[in-house]
Amino acid sequence: GEECLGQSAWQLICALLEEIMTRLPDCTTQELSNSSWACCRLGVRHDAFMAAIAEEGMRKLPEYTCQDLSNTSMAFAKPNIYHRGMLEGLAHYAAKKIRQFEAREVSNAAWSLTIMGPGIVGPDWLDRALEHFLELVEKRHYDGWELVQLVNCCWRHRHELRYWQKLERTFPRSSLCSRGSSAGCHHWTGPGPVRHG
């Protein structure tokens, strides 16, 4: 908010968001997604703007691409903006398109939708996401951070997930280092969420 950005920057951003709100009906799904994600990346929490994004986005959800679904999920989750209808809609359409998601999109959507509380996604949704993610891993189409984020967001549901044991077996401790570097390596030593070390 204003305390982080300074008064003049905050006023400018708010004016920009209010202008965008008047143009939302004409926005594409990518423009809706990019606008909400940009707001999130700037660290700006503007509930009225996000409510307007949700209202317009719910009308256009069938047209959202995989990236739109993933980025919009993150845009609501990072600042913890709870709009149940939009979150459920994002989860519904993500489940329909999950086989088309890239690894980062699976990981980001799963993380975003699980942290928003119970009832948005559950074990069935997560199993579909894990099944697809594990196929991407077999093709080596993933990065270590995507795995770490997915493991952490699924941890609470692990006893209910069909693919949890395969996830555990697929990722021995040494495979959690992205691209063979020990810098920023993530260590998973058994029960409990992944620790960053």
C-alpha atoms as a PDB file:
ATOM      1  CA  GLY A   1       0.000   0.000   0.000  1.00  0.00           C
ATOM      2  CA  GLU A   2       0.843   3.636   0.405  1.00  0.00           C
ATOM      3  CA  GLU A   3       3.327   3.032   3.236  1.00  0.00           C
ATOM      4  CA  CYS A   4       5.511   0.916   0.890  1.00  0.00           C
ATOM      5  CA  LEU A   5       5.147   2.824  -2.356  1.00  0.00           C
ATOM      6  CA  GLY A   6       4.873   6.381  -1.170  1.00  0.00           C
ATOM      7  CA  GLN A   7       1.824   8.588  -1.501  1.00  0.00           C
ATOM      8  CA  SER A   8       2.321   9.786  -5.085  1.00  0.00           C
ATOM      9  CA  ALA A   9       3.063   6.290  -6.468  1.00  0.00           C
ATOM     10  CA  TRP A  10       0.101   4.857  -4.560  1.00  0.00           C
ATOM     11  CA  GLN A  11      -2.226   7.557  -5.927  1.00  0.00           C
ATOM     12  CA  LEU A  12      -0.979   6.915  -9.467  1.00  0.00           C
ATOM     13  CA  ILE A  13      -1.456   3.153  -9.182  1.00  0.00           C
ATOM     14  CA  CYS A  14      -4.932   3.572  -7.696  1.00  0.00           C
ATOM     15  CA  ALA A  15      -5.918   5.952 -10.507  1.00  0.00           C
ATOM     16  CA  LEU A  16      -4.591   3.475 -13.065  1.00  0.00           C
ATOM     17  CA  LEU A  17      -6.491   0.572 -11.484  1.00  0.00           C
ATOM     18  CA  GLU A  18      -9.695   2.600 -11.372  1.00  0.00           C
ATOM     19  CA  GLU A  19      -9.291   3.398 -15.082  1.00  0.00           C
ATOM     20  CA  ILE A  20      -8.663  -0.276 -15.884  1.00  0.00           C
ATOM     21  CA  MET A  21     -11.810  -1.186 -13.929  1.00  0.00           C
ATOM     22  CA  THR A  22     -13.908   0.892 -16.341  1.00  0.00           C
ATOM     23  CA  ARG A  23     -12.401  -1.023 -19.286  1.00  0.00           C
ATOM     24  CA  LEU A  24     -12.638  -4.574 -17.909  1.00  0.00           C
ATOM     25  CA  PRO A  25     -15.602  -5.619 -20.100  1.00  0.00           C
ATOM     26  CA  ASP A  26     -13.409  -5.005 -23.156  1.00  0.00           C
ATOM     27  CA  CYS A  27     -10.389  -6.869 -21.762  1.00  0.00           C
ATOM     28  CA  THR A  28      -9.226 -10.218 -23.064  1.00  0.00           C
ATOM     29  CA  THR A  29      -8.581 -13.025 -20.597  1.00  0.00           C
ATOM     30  CA  GLN A  30      -4.854 -12.357 -20.915  1.00  0.00           C
ATOM     31  CA  GLU A  31      -5.381  -8.683 -20.076  1.00  0.00           C
ATOM     32  CA  LEU A  32      -7.482  -9.616 -17.042  1.00  0.00           C
ATOM     33  CA  SER A  33      -4.859 -12.097 -15.906  1.00  0.00           C
ATOM     34  CA  ASN A  34      -1.924  -9.775 -16.558  1.00  0.00           C
ATOM     35  CA  SER A  35      -3.610  -6.840 -14.797  1.00  0.00           C
ATOM     36  CA  SER A  36      -4.348  -8.852 -11.660  1.00  0.00           C
ATOM     37  CA  TRP A  37      -0.866 -10.411 -11.678  1.00  0.00           C
ATOM     38  CA  ALA A  38       0.807  -7.010 -12.144  1.00  0.00           C
ATOM     39  CA  CYS A  39      -1.125  -5.657  -9.164  1.00  0.00           C
ATOM     40  CA  CYS A  40       0.048  -8.625  -7.106  1.00  0.00           C
ATOM     41  CA  ARG A  41       3.677  -8.302  -8.260  1.00  0.00           C
ATOM     42  CA  LEU A  42       3.717  -4.639  -7.306  1.00  0.00           C
ATOM     43  CA  GLY A  43       2.641  -5.644  -3.813  1.00  0.00           C
ATOM     44  CA  VAL A  44      -0.544  -3.632  -4.164  1.00  0.00           C
ATOM     45  CA  ARG A  45      -3.647  -4.951  -2.460  1.00  0.00           C
ATOM     46  CA  HIS A  46      -6.668  -3.282  -4.040  1.00  0.00           C
ATOM     47  CA  ASP A  47      -9.758  -5.270  -3.070  1.00  0.00           C
ATOM     48  CA  ALA A  48     -12.176  -3.319  -5.275  1.00  0.00           C
ATOM     49  CA  PHE A  49      -9.972  -3.912  -8.322  1.00  0.00           C
ATOM     50  CA  MET A  50      -9.659  -7.631  -7.586  1.00  0.00           C
ATOM     51  CA  ALA A  51     -13.431  -7.883  -7.000  1.00  0.00           C
ATOM     52  CA  ALA A  52     -13.971  -6.300 -10.417  1.00  0.00           C
ATOM     53  CA  ILE A  53     -11.431  -8.716 -11.952  1.00  0.00           C
ATOM     54  CA  ALA A  54     -13.324 -11.609 -10.346  1.00  0.00           C
ATOM     55  CA  GLU A  55     -16.707 -10.366 -11.568  1.00  0.00           C
ATOM     56  CA  GLU A  56     -15.519  -9.957 -15.165  1.00  0.00           C
ATOM     57  CA  GLY A  57     -13.274 -13.000 -15.026  1.00  0.00           C
ATOM     58  CA  MET A  58     -16.083 -15.314 -13.938  1.00  0.00           C
ATOM     59  CA  ARG A  59     -17.924 -14.433 -17.154  1.00  0.00           C
ATOM     60  CA  LYS A  60     -14.859 -15.283 -19.241  1.00  0.00           C
ATOM     61  CA  LEU A  61     -13.412 -18.272 -17.342  1.00  0.00           C
ATOM     62  CA  PRO A  62     -14.175 -20.797 -20.122  1.00  0.00           C
ATOM     63  CA  GLU A  63     -11.857 -18.778 -22.380  1.00  0.00           C
ATOM     64  CA  TYR A  64      -8.949 -18.601 -19.891  1.00  0.00           C
ATOM     65  CA  THR A  65      -5.722 -20.241 -21.050  1.00  0.00           C
ATOM     66  CA  CYS A  66      -3.665 -22.434 -18.739  1.00  0.00           C
ATOM     67  CA  GLN A  67      -1.355 -19.497 -18.026  1.00  0.00           C
ATOM     68  CA  ASP A  68      -4.324 -17.192 -17.365  1.00  0.00           C
ATOM     69  CA  LEU A  69      -5.741 -19.687 -14.854  1.00  0.00           C
ATOM     70  CA  SER A  70      -2.417 -20.164 -13.089  1.00  0.00           C
ATOM     71  CA  ASN A  71      -1.450 -16.486 -12.962  1.00  0.00           C
ATOM     72  CA  THR A  72      -4.886 -15.367 -11.817  1.00  0.00           C
ATOM     73  CA  SER A  73      -4.858 -17.993  -9.060  1.00  0.00           C
ATOM     74  CA  MET A  74      -1.532 -16.586  -7.869  1.00  0.00           C
ATOM     75  CA  ALA A  75      -2.828 -13.015  -8.110  1.00  0.00           C
ATOM     76  CA  PHE A  76      -5.585 -13.842  -5.613  1.00  0.00           C
ATOM     77  CA  ALA A  77      -3.504 -16.116  -3.372  1.00  0.00           C
ATOM     78  CA  LYS A  78      -0.359 -14.060  -2.806  1.00  0.00           C
ATOM     79  CA  PRO A  79      -2.184 -11.067  -1.266  1.00  0.00           C
ATOM     80  CA  ASN A  80      -4.738 -13.485   0.288  1.00  0.00           C
ATOM     81  CA  ILE A  81      -7.772 -12.051  -1.494  1.00  0.00           C
ATOM     82  CA  TYR A  82     -10.574 -14.534  -0.969  1.00  0.00           C
ATOM     83  CA  HIS A  83     -13.270 -14.513  -3.634  1.00  0.00           C
ATOM     84  CA  ARG A  84     -14.819 -17.952  -3.342  1.00  0.00           C
ATOM     85  CA  GLY A  85     -16.736 -17.889  -6.623  1.00  0.00           C
ATOM     86  CA  MET A  86     -13.694 -16.897  -8.661  1.00  0.00           C
ATOM     87  CA  LEU A  87     -11.392 -19.336  -6.860  1.00  0.00           C
ATOM     88  CA  GLU A  88     -13.836 -22.208  -7.382  1.00  0.00           C
ATOM     89  CA  GLY A  89     -14.194 -21.221 -11.027  1.00  0.00           C
ATOM     90  CA  LEU A  90     -10.416 -21.125 -11.478  1.00  0.00           C
ATOM     91  CA  ALA A  91     -10.150 -24.562  -9.858  1.00  0.00           C
ATOM     92  CA  HIS A  92     -12.941 -25.964 -12.054  1.00  0.00           C
ATOM     93  CA  TYR A  93     -11.444 -24.774 -15.334  1.00  0.00           C
ATOM     94  CA  ALA A  94      -7.901 -25.637 -14.251  1.00  0.00           C
ATOM     95  CA  ALA A  95      -9.059 -29.213 -13.608  1.00  0.00           C
ATOM     96  CA  LYS A  96     -10.590 -29.360 -17.094  1.00  0.00           C
ATOM     97  CA  LYS A  97      -7.358 -28.146 -18.718  1.00  0.00           C
ATOM     98  CA  ILE A  98      -4.759 -29.600 -16.321  1.00  0.00           C
ATOM     99  CA  ARG A  99      -3.362 -31.992 -18.967  1.00  0.00           C
ATOM    100  CA  GLN A 100      -2.344 -28.937 -21.009  1.00  0.00           C
ATOM    101  CA  PHE A 101      -0.562 -27.164 -18.124  1.00  0.00           C
ATOM    102  CA  GLU A 102       3.196 -26.713 -17.990  1.00  0.00           C
ATOM    103  CA  ALA A 103       4.915 -27.766 -14.742  1.00  0.00           C
ATOM    104  CA  ARG A 104       5.096 -24.213 -13.348  1.00  0.00           C
ATOM    105  CA  GLU A 105       1.398 -23.703 -14.085  1.00  0.00           C
ATOM    106  CA  VAL A 106       0.490 -26.929 -12.258  1.00  0.00           C
ATOM    107  CA  SER A 107       2.670 -25.988  -9.299  1.00  0.00           C
ATOM    108  CA  ASN A 108       1.498 -22.369  -9.100  1.00  0.00           C
ATOM    109  CA  ALA A 109      -2.199 -23.213  -9.454  1.00  0.00           C
ATOM    110  CA  ALA A 110      -2.001 -26.044  -6.916  1.00  0.00           C
ATOM    111  CA  TRP A 111      -0.155 -23.868  -4.402  1.00  0.00           C
ATOM    112  CA  SER A 112      -2.496 -20.928  -4.884  1.00  0.00           C
ATOM    113  CA  LEU A 113      -5.717 -22.887  -4.669  1.00  0.00           C
ATOM    114  CA  THR A 114      -4.669 -24.982  -1.654  1.00  0.00           C
ATOM    115  CA  ILE A 115      -3.514 -22.054   0.474  1.00  0.00           C
ATOM    116  CA  MET A 116      -6.829 -20.271  -0.016  1.00  0.00           C
ATOM    117  CA  GLY A 117      -8.401 -22.680   2.415  1.00  0.00           C
ATOM    118  CA  PRO A 118     -10.349 -25.897   2.489  1.00  0.00           C
ATOM    119  CA  GLY A 119     -13.047 -26.471  -0.059  1.00  0.00           C
ATOM    120  CA  ILE A 120     -11.438 -24.819  -3.065  1.00  0.00           C
ATOM    121  CA  VAL A 121      -9.496 -27.936  -4.126  1.00  0.00           C
ATOM    122  CA  GLY A 122      -9.254 -31.310  -2.496  1.00  0.00           C
ATOM    123  CA  PRO A 123      -7.536 -34.658  -2.987  1.00  0.00           C
ATOM    124  CA  ASP A 124      -9.250 -35.486  -6.306  1.00  0.00           C
ATOM    125  CA  TRP A 125      -8.152 -32.186  -7.841  1.00  0.00           C
ATOM    126  CA  LEU A 126      -4.638 -32.556  -6.433  1.00  0.00           C
ATOM    127  CA  ASP A 127      -4.325 -36.137  -7.697  1.00  0.00           C
ATOM    128  CA  ARG A 128      -5.143 -35.018 -11.230  1.00  0.00           C
ATOM    129  CA  ALA A 129      -2.543 -32.265 -10.918  1.00  0.00           C
ATOM    130  CA  LEU A 130       0.071 -34.664  -9.479  1.00  0.00           C
ATOM    131  CA  GLU A 131      -0.564 -37.266 -12.167  1.00  0.00           C
ATOM    132  CA  HIS A 132       0.102 -34.711 -14.899  1.00  0.00           C
ATOM    133  CA  PHE A 133       3.069 -33.170 -13.063  1.00  0.00           C
ATOM    134  CA  LEU A 134       4.700 -36.589 -12.660  1.00  0.00           C
ATOM    135  CA  GLU A 135       4.337 -37.166 -16.414  1.00  0.00           C
ATOM    136  CA  LEU A 136       6.105 -33.845 -17.009  1.00  0.00           C
ATOM    137  CA  VAL A 137       8.868 -34.936 -14.619  1.00  0.00           C
ATOM    138  CA  GLU A 138       9.375 -38.134 -16.599  1.00  0.00           C
ATOM    139  CA  LYS A 139       9.921 -35.952 -19.683  1.00  0.00           C
ATOM    140  CA  ARG A 140      12.215 -33.660 -17.644  1.00  0.00           C
ATOM    141  CA  HIS A 141       9.918 -30.687 -18.257  1.00  0.00           C
ATOM    142  CA  TYR A 142      10.132 -29.166 -14.777  1.00  0.00           C
ATOM    143  CA  ASP A 143      12.369 -27.161 -12.425  1.00  0.00           C
ATOM    144  CA  GLY A 144      13.181 -28.007  -8.816  1.00  0.00           C
ATOM    145  CA  TRP A 145      11.282 -25.069  -7.318  1.00  0.00           C
ATOM    146  CA  GLU A 146       8.093 -26.336  -8.974  1.00  0.00           C
ATOM    147  CA  LEU A 147       8.517 -29.660  -7.230  1.00  0.00           C
ATOM    148  CA  VAL A 148       9.221 -28.051  -3.862  1.00  0.00           C
ATOM    149  CA  GLN A 149       6.144 -25.851  -4.100  1.00  0.00           C
ATOM    150  CA  LEU A 150       3.969 -28.802  -5.150  1.00  0.00           C
ATOM    151  CA  VAL A 151       5.251 -31.041  -2.355  1.00  0.00           C
ATOM    152  CA  ASN A 152       4.592 -28.317   0.208  1.00  0.00           C
ATOM    153  CA  CYS A 153       1.062 -27.568  -0.942  1.00  0.00           C
ATOM    154  CA  CYS A 154       0.124 -31.270  -1.121  1.00  0.00           C
ATOM    155  CA  TRP A 155       1.650 -32.202   2.229  1.00  0.00           C
ATOM    156  CA  ARG A 156      -1.538 -31.660   4.233  1.00  0.00           C
ATOM    157  CA  HIS A 157      -3.465 -34.023   1.920  1.00  0.00           C
ATOM    158  CA  ARG A 158      -0.710 -36.638   1.474  1.00  0.00           C
ATOM    159  CA  HIS A 159      -2.606 -39.476   3.209  1.00  0.00           C
ATOM    160  CA  GLU A 160      -5.532 -38.993   0.832  1.00  0.00           C
ATOM    161  CA  LEU A 161      -3.534 -38.713  -2.416  1.00  0.00           C
ATOM    162  CA  ARG A 162      -3.116 -41.688  -4.754  1.00  0.00           C
ATOM    163  CA  TYR A 163       0.032 -40.146  -6.284  1.00  0.00           C
ATOM    164  CA  TRP A 164       1.784 -39.062  -3.087  1.00  0.00           C
ATOM    165  CA  GLN A 165       3.896 -42.215  -2.738  1.00  0.00           C
ATOM    166  CA  LYS A 166       4.954 -41.989  -6.385  1.00  0.00           C
ATOM    167  CA  LEU A 167       5.902 -38.366  -5.774  1.00  0.00           C
ATOM    168  CA  GLU A 168       8.020 -39.446  -2.786  1.00  0.00           C
ATOM    169  CA  ARG A 169       9.715 -42.241  -4.748  1.00  0.00           C
ATOM    170  CA  THR A 170      10.333 -40.032  -7.776  1.00  0.00           C
ATOM    171  CA  PHE A 171      12.246 -37.380  -5.883  1.00  0.00           C
ATOM    172  CA  PRO A 172      15.091 -38.684  -3.804  1.00  0.00           C
ATOM    173  CA  ARG A 173      16.916 -36.046  -1.830  1.00  0.00           C
ATOM    174  CA  SER A 174      19.570 -35.455  -4.494  1.00  0.00           C
ATOM    175  CA  SER A 175      17.076 -34.734  -7.274  1.00  0.00           C
ATOM    176  CA  LEU A 176      15.701 -31.633  -5.589  1.00  0.00           C
ATOM    177  CA  CYS A 177      18.625 -29.501  -6.705  1.00  0.00           C
ATOM    178  CA  SER A 178      17.689 -27.572  -9.816  1.00  0.00           C
ATOM    179  CA  ARG A 179      20.002 -27.980 -12.748  1.00  0.00           C
ATOM    180  CA  GLY A 180      22.702 -29.736 -10.687  1.00  0.00           C
ATOM    181  CA  SER A 181      23.593 -26.683  -8.606  1.00  0.00           C
ATOM    182  CA  SER A 182      23.950 -26.903  -4.864  1.00  0.00           C
ATOM    183  CA  ALA A 183      23.191 -23.178  -4.539  1.00  0.00           C
ATOM    184  CA  GLY A 184      19.561 -22.803  -3.568  1.00  0.00           C
ATOM    185  CA  CYS A 185      19.272 -26.557  -3.158  1.00  0.00           C
ATOM    186  CA  HIS A 186      16.131 -27.857  -1.496  1.00  0.00           C
ATOM    187  CA  HIS A 187      16.505 -30.764   0.898  1.00  0.00           C
ATOM    188  CA  TRP A 188      13.706 -33.197   1.572  1.00  0.00           C
ATOM    189  CA  THR A 189      14.719 -35.591   4.301  1.00  0.00           C
ATOM    190  CA  GLY A 190      11.565 -37.469   5.009  1.00  0.00           C
ATOM    191  CA  PRO A 191       8.372 -36.590   6.762  1.00  0.00           C
ATOM    192  CA  GLY A 192       7.483 -32.951   6.851  1.00  0.00           C
ATOM    193  CA  PRO A 193       7.447 -30.204   4.255  1.00  0.00           C
ATOM    194  CA  VAL A 194      10.525 -29.452   2.195  1.00  0.00           C
ATOM    195  CA  ARG A 195      13.078 -27.244   3.928  1.00  0.00           C
ATOM    196  CA  HIS A 196      14.944 -24.587   1.980  1.00  0.00           C
ATOM    197  CA  GLY A 197      18.635 -24.620   2.798  1.00  0.00           C
END
